[in-house]
Every structure is written in C-alpha cells, then in structure tokens.
Amino acid sequence: MYTFVLIIHFIACLLLILLVLLQSGKGSAAGIFGASGADNLFASPTAFNAVNKFTAILAGILMLTSIGLTVMSHKTSSGSVLDKVEIPASAPTQPGK
C-alpha cells in the first residue's frame, strides 16, 4: 500500500509541475510556449477553467498523499536503530600484563 501511494504521489508531483509551467501569469503576454501563437491556442475560457480545476485537484491529491505517506511511515518505524545493535561480550582482562 505504501508503494502504491508513493507512486501516486510521484505522478501527482510531476503532473502538477507540468501544469504550473503550462499556465501563463495574469499579466504576462507569453507563457512557456512563446508569444501569440500559444495564447490563441489556450485562450478559450473553458480550457483555462479546466486547467485551473485540474491543478486544484492535483494539489489536493498531493496534499492527501503527503499526509497518507507521513502516517504510514510513522506506523512502520516503531523503535530506535540502536535497539537492534548487539553488544559483544567483553573479553576478560588478564591482570599483571
């Protein structure tokens, strides 16, 4: 289960990075693709709203998987690393040497 949530988290991270890079700023004339050609391609209001909604959904998924991974990793490690170390028996010392 931990591996599955970790894979979902990784995919959500990559998609969120790509979506943020694809969006242009409010005052900017050009996004990542360049000048006017890309603005005309992504200028429709429905596509802009869809990208914003998908970005918000991915941000929510990222938040939930982060919390889930934190809870799952806390349950798996329940002790100290030093609890597993074996202390060797000390050799008896010889007096007079």
N, C-alpha and C. Protein backbone atom coordinates (compact mmCIF):
# COMPACT_ATOMS: atom_id res chain seq x y z
N MET A 1 0.83 -1.19 0.00
CA MET A 1 0.00 0.00 0.00
C MET A 1 0.87 1.27 0.00
N TYR A 2 1.96 1.21 0.76
CA TYR A 2 2.87 2.36 0.84
C TYR A 2 3.45 2.67 -0.54
N THR A 3 3.85 1.62 -1.27
CA THR A 3 4.44 1.81 -2.59
C THR A 3 3.43 2.41 -3.57
N PHE A 4 2.18 1.94 -3.50
CA PHE A 4 1.13 2.46 -4.37
C PHE A 4 0.90 3.96 -4.12
N VAL A 5 0.80 4.35 -2.86
CA VAL A 5 0.59 5.76 -2.53
C VAL A 5 1.80 6.59 -2.94
N LEU A 6 3.00 6.03 -2.79
CA LEU A 6 4.21 6.74 -3.20
C LEU A 6 4.24 6.96 -4.71
N ILE A 7 3.80 5.98 -5.49
CA ILE A 7 3.76 6.14 -6.95
C ILE A 7 2.74 7.20 -7.34
N ILE A 8 1.56 7.19 -6.71
CA ILE A 8 0.54 8.21 -6.98
C ILE A 8 1.08 9.59 -6.62
N HIS A 9 1.79 9.69 -5.52
CA HIS A 9 2.38 10.96 -5.08
C HIS A 9 3.39 11.47 -6.10
N PHE A 10 4.23 10.59 -6.59
CA PHE A 10 5.25 10.96 -7.57
C PHE A 10 4.61 11.43 -8.87
N ILE A 11 3.59 10.73 -9.35
CA ILE A 11 2.90 11.11 -10.59
C ILE A 11 2.20 12.46 -10.40
N ALA A 12 1.57 12.66 -9.26
CA ALA A 12 0.89 13.93 -8.99
C ALA A 12 1.90 15.08 -8.96
N CYS A 13 3.09 14.84 -8.40
CA CYS A 13 4.13 15.88 -8.37
C CYS A 13 4.54 16.28 -9.78
N LEU A 14 4.80 15.30 -10.62
CA LEU A 14 5.24 15.60 -11.98
C LEU A 14 4.16 16.31 -12.78
N LEU A 15 2.90 15.85 -12.67
CA LEU A 15 1.82 16.50 -13.40
C LEU A 15 1.58 17.92 -12.91
N LEU A 16 1.69 18.12 -11.61
CA LEU A 16 1.49 19.46 -11.07
C LEU A 16 2.57 20.42 -11.54
N ILE A 17 3.80 19.95 -11.62
CA ILE A 17 4.89 20.79 -12.13
C ILE A 17 4.62 21.16 -13.59
N LEU A 18 4.21 20.18 -14.39
CA LEU A 18 3.94 20.46 -15.80
C LEU A 18 2.77 21.43 -15.97
N LEU A 19 1.72 21.26 -15.19
CA LEU A 19 0.57 22.15 -15.32
C LEU A 19 0.90 23.58 -14.90
N VAL A 20 1.69 23.73 -13.87
CA VAL A 20 2.07 25.07 -13.44
C VAL A 20 2.94 25.75 -14.49
N LEU A 21 3.82 24.98 -15.12
CA LEU A 21 4.66 25.56 -16.17
C LEU A 21 3.86 25.90 -17.43
N LEU A 22 2.79 25.17 -17.69
CA LEU A 22 1.97 25.45 -18.87
C LEU A 22 1.12 26.70 -18.70
N GLN A 23 0.76 27.04 -17.50
CA GLN A 23 -0.10 28.20 -17.27
C GLN A 23 0.72 29.48 -17.39
N SER A 24 0.10 30.47 -17.98
CA SER A 24 0.77 31.77 -18.06
C SER A 24 0.30 32.63 -16.91
N GLY A 25 1.11 33.61 -16.57
CA GLY A 25 0.76 34.51 -15.48
C GLY A 25 -0.38 35.44 -15.88
N LYS A 26 -0.96 36.12 -14.90
CA LYS A 26 -2.10 37.01 -15.19
C LYS A 26 -1.70 38.18 -16.07
N GLY A 27 -0.55 38.79 -15.84
CA GLY A 27 -0.17 39.96 -16.62
C GLY A 27 0.79 39.65 -17.74
N SER A 28 1.14 38.40 -17.90
CA SER A 28 2.16 38.08 -18.90
C SER A 28 1.53 37.86 -20.26
N ALA A 29 2.25 38.24 -21.29
CA ALA A 29 1.75 38.08 -22.65
C ALA A 29 2.14 36.72 -23.22
N ALA A 30 3.13 36.07 -22.64
CA ALA A 30 3.60 34.81 -23.17
C ALA A 30 3.81 33.81 -22.05
N GLY A 31 3.42 32.59 -22.30
CA GLY A 31 3.64 31.52 -21.34
C GLY A 31 4.90 30.78 -21.68
N ILE A 32 4.92 29.49 -21.44
CA ILE A 32 6.12 28.70 -21.71
C ILE A 32 6.30 28.45 -23.21
N PHE A 33 5.22 28.53 -23.99
CA PHE A 33 5.31 28.20 -25.40
C PHE A 33 5.75 29.36 -26.28
N GLY A 34 5.77 30.54 -25.76
CA GLY A 34 6.18 31.66 -26.58
C GLY A 34 5.11 32.72 -26.64
N ALA A 35 5.06 33.43 -27.76
CA ALA A 35 4.19 34.61 -27.84
C ALA A 35 2.77 34.27 -28.27
N SER A 36 2.27 34.93 -29.27
CA SER A 36 0.84 34.96 -29.58
C SER A 36 0.27 33.63 -30.05
N GLY A 37 1.04 32.79 -30.70
CA GLY A 37 0.51 31.53 -31.20
C GLY A 37 -0.02 30.64 -30.09
N ALA A 38 0.71 30.56 -29.01
CA ALA A 38 0.28 29.73 -27.89
C ALA A 38 -0.88 30.38 -27.15
N ASP A 39 -0.92 31.70 -27.10
CA ASP A 39 -2.03 32.38 -26.43
C ASP A 39 -3.34 32.11 -27.15
N ASN A 40 -3.30 32.08 -28.47
CA ASN A 40 -4.51 31.78 -29.22
C ASN A 40 -4.94 30.34 -29.03
N LEU A 41 -4.02 29.45 -28.88
CA LEU A 41 -4.34 28.04 -28.71
C LEU A 41 -4.99 27.78 -27.36
N PHE A 42 -4.50 28.40 -26.31
CA PHE A 42 -5.02 28.16 -24.96
C PHE A 42 -5.89 29.31 -24.45
N ALA A 43 -6.43 30.13 -25.35
CA ALA A 43 -7.14 31.32 -24.93
C ALA A 43 -8.60 31.07 -24.56
N SER A 44 -9.15 29.92 -24.89
CA SER A 44 -10.57 29.71 -24.62
C SER A 44 -10.81 29.64 -23.11
N PRO A 45 -11.91 30.26 -22.65
CA PRO A 45 -12.16 30.29 -21.21
C PRO A 45 -12.45 28.91 -20.62
N THR A 46 -13.01 27.99 -21.41
CA THR A 46 -13.30 26.65 -20.87
C THR A 46 -12.01 25.89 -20.62
N ALA A 47 -11.03 26.03 -21.51
CA ALA A 47 -9.76 25.33 -21.30
C ALA A 47 -9.02 25.92 -20.11
N PHE A 48 -9.12 27.23 -19.93
CA PHE A 48 -8.45 27.87 -18.81
C PHE A 48 -9.07 27.40 -17.49
N ASN A 49 -10.39 27.31 -17.43
CA ASN A 49 -11.04 26.83 -16.23
C ASN A 49 -10.74 25.36 -15.97
N ALA A 50 -10.67 24.57 -17.02
CA ALA A 50 -10.38 23.16 -16.86
C ALA A 50 -8.96 22.95 -16.31
N VAL A 51 -8.02 23.73 -16.81
CA VAL A 51 -6.64 23.62 -16.33
C VAL A 51 -6.55 24.03 -14.86
N ASN A 52 -7.26 25.09 -14.50
CA ASN A 52 -7.26 25.53 -13.10
C ASN A 52 -7.89 24.49 -12.18
N LYS A 53 -8.98 23.89 -12.62
CA LYS A 53 -9.64 22.86 -11.80
C LYS A 53 -8.76 21.63 -11.66
N PHE A 54 -8.11 21.23 -12.75
CA PHE A 54 -7.23 20.06 -12.69
C PHE A 54 -6.02 20.33 -11.80
N THR A 55 -5.52 21.56 -11.84
CA THR A 55 -4.41 21.94 -10.96
C THR A 55 -4.83 21.87 -9.50
N ALA A 56 -6.04 22.34 -9.20
CA ALA A 56 -6.54 22.28 -7.82
C ALA A 56 -6.76 20.84 -7.37
N ILE A 57 -7.25 20.00 -8.26
CA ILE A 57 -7.46 18.58 -7.92
C ILE A 57 -6.12 17.91 -7.65
N LEU A 58 -5.13 18.18 -8.50
CA LEU A 58 -3.80 17.60 -8.29
C LEU A 58 -3.16 18.09 -7.00
N ALA A 59 -3.38 19.35 -6.66
CA ALA A 59 -2.85 19.88 -5.41
C ALA A 59 -3.49 19.17 -4.22
N GLY A 60 -4.78 18.90 -4.31
CA GLY A 60 -5.47 18.16 -3.25
C GLY A 60 -4.97 16.74 -3.13
N ILE A 61 -4.76 16.07 -4.27
CA ILE A 61 -4.22 14.71 -4.26
C ILE A 61 -2.83 14.70 -3.66
N LEU A 62 -2.02 15.70 -4.00
CA LEU A 62 -0.67 15.79 -3.46
C LEU A 62 -0.69 15.97 -1.94
N MET A 63 -1.61 16.80 -1.46
CA MET A 63 -1.73 17.02 -0.02
C MET A 63 -2.17 15.74 0.69
N LEU A 64 -3.17 15.04 0.13
CA LEU A 64 -3.66 13.82 0.77
C LEU A 64 -2.62 12.70 0.76
N THR A 65 -1.90 12.56 -0.35
CA THR A 65 -0.86 11.53 -0.38
C THR A 65 0.29 11.86 0.56
N SER A 66 0.59 13.16 0.72
CA SER A 66 1.65 13.55 1.66
C SER A 66 1.27 13.17 3.09
N ILE A 67 0.02 13.46 3.46
CA ILE A 67 -0.45 13.09 4.80
C ILE A 67 -0.47 11.58 4.96
N GLY A 68 -0.96 10.88 3.94
CA GLY A 68 -1.00 9.42 4.00
C GLY A 68 0.37 8.79 4.13
N LEU A 69 1.34 9.30 3.37
CA LEU A 69 2.69 8.76 3.47
C LEU A 69 3.31 9.03 4.83
N THR A 70 3.00 10.18 5.39
CA THR A 70 3.52 10.50 6.72
C THR A 70 2.95 9.55 7.77
N VAL A 71 1.65 9.30 7.70
CA VAL A 71 1.02 8.39 8.67
C VAL A 71 1.54 6.97 8.49
N MET A 72 1.67 6.53 7.24
CA MET A 72 2.14 5.16 7.00
C MET A 72 3.60 4.97 7.41
N SER A 73 4.43 5.97 7.20
CA SER A 73 5.84 5.82 7.57
C SER A 73 6.01 5.85 9.09
N HIS A 74 5.12 6.55 9.79
CA HIS A 74 5.19 6.59 11.25
C HIS A 74 4.83 5.24 11.85
N LYS A 75 3.91 4.52 11.22
CA LYS A 75 3.50 3.21 11.74
C LYS A 75 4.56 2.14 11.51
N THR A 76 5.33 2.25 10.44
CA THR A 76 6.30 1.21 10.14
C THR A 76 7.54 1.28 11.02
N SER A 77 7.95 2.46 11.41
CA SER A 77 9.15 2.57 12.24
C SER A 77 8.72 2.82 13.69
N SER A 78 8.88 1.79 14.51
CA SER A 78 8.40 1.93 15.88
C SER A 78 9.50 1.74 16.91
N GLY A 79 10.71 1.94 16.54
CA GLY A 79 11.80 1.78 17.50
C GLY A 79 13.04 2.50 17.04
N SER A 80 14.04 2.41 17.87
CA SER A 80 15.30 3.05 17.55
C SER A 80 16.19 2.08 16.80
N VAL A 81 17.09 2.62 16.04
CA VAL A 81 18.06 1.79 15.33
C VAL A 81 19.00 1.12 16.34
N LEU A 82 19.28 1.79 17.44
CA LEU A 82 20.19 1.26 18.45
C LEU A 82 19.61 0.07 19.19
N ASP A 83 18.28 -0.11 19.14
CA ASP A 83 17.68 -1.28 19.78
C ASP A 83 18.08 -2.57 19.09
N LYS A 84 18.46 -2.51 17.83
CA LYS A 84 18.82 -3.70 17.06
C LYS A 84 20.30 -4.04 17.13
N VAL A 85 21.12 -3.21 17.76
CA VAL A 85 22.56 -3.42 17.83
C VAL A 85 22.86 -4.40 18.95
N GLU A 86 23.66 -5.41 18.61
CA GLU A 86 24.08 -6.38 19.62
C GLU A 86 25.41 -5.93 20.22
N ILE A 87 25.47 -5.89 21.53
CA ILE A 87 26.70 -5.51 22.21
C ILE A 87 27.50 -6.78 22.47
N PRO A 88 28.72 -6.86 21.93
CA PRO A 88 29.52 -8.08 22.12
C PRO A 88 29.99 -8.19 23.57
N ALA A 89 30.10 -9.44 24.02
CA ALA A 89 30.60 -9.67 25.38
C ALA A 89 32.07 -9.29 25.43
N SER A 90 32.46 -8.58 26.45
CA SER A 90 33.85 -8.15 26.54
C SER A 90 34.73 -9.33 27.02
N ALA A 91 35.93 -9.39 26.48
CA ALA A 91 36.87 -10.46 26.85
C ALA A 91 37.42 -10.18 28.23
N PRO A 92 37.62 -11.22 29.04
CA PRO A 92 38.17 -10.99 30.37
C PRO A 92 39.59 -10.47 30.29
N THR A 93 39.92 -9.55 31.11
CA THR A 93 41.26 -8.98 31.12
C THR A 93 42.17 -9.81 32.02
N GLN A 94 43.44 -9.88 31.65
CA GLN A 94 44.41 -10.62 32.46
C GLN A 94 45.21 -9.63 33.29
N PRO A 95 45.13 -9.76 34.62
CA PRO A 95 45.90 -8.83 35.45
C PRO A 95 47.40 -9.10 35.37
N GLY A 96 48.17 -8.09 35.52
CA GLY A 96 49.63 -8.22 35.55
C GLY A 96 50.28 -8.05 34.19
N LYS A 97 49.62 -7.83 33.17
CA LYS A 97 50.26 -7.63 31.87
C LYS A 97 50.15 -6.24 31.42
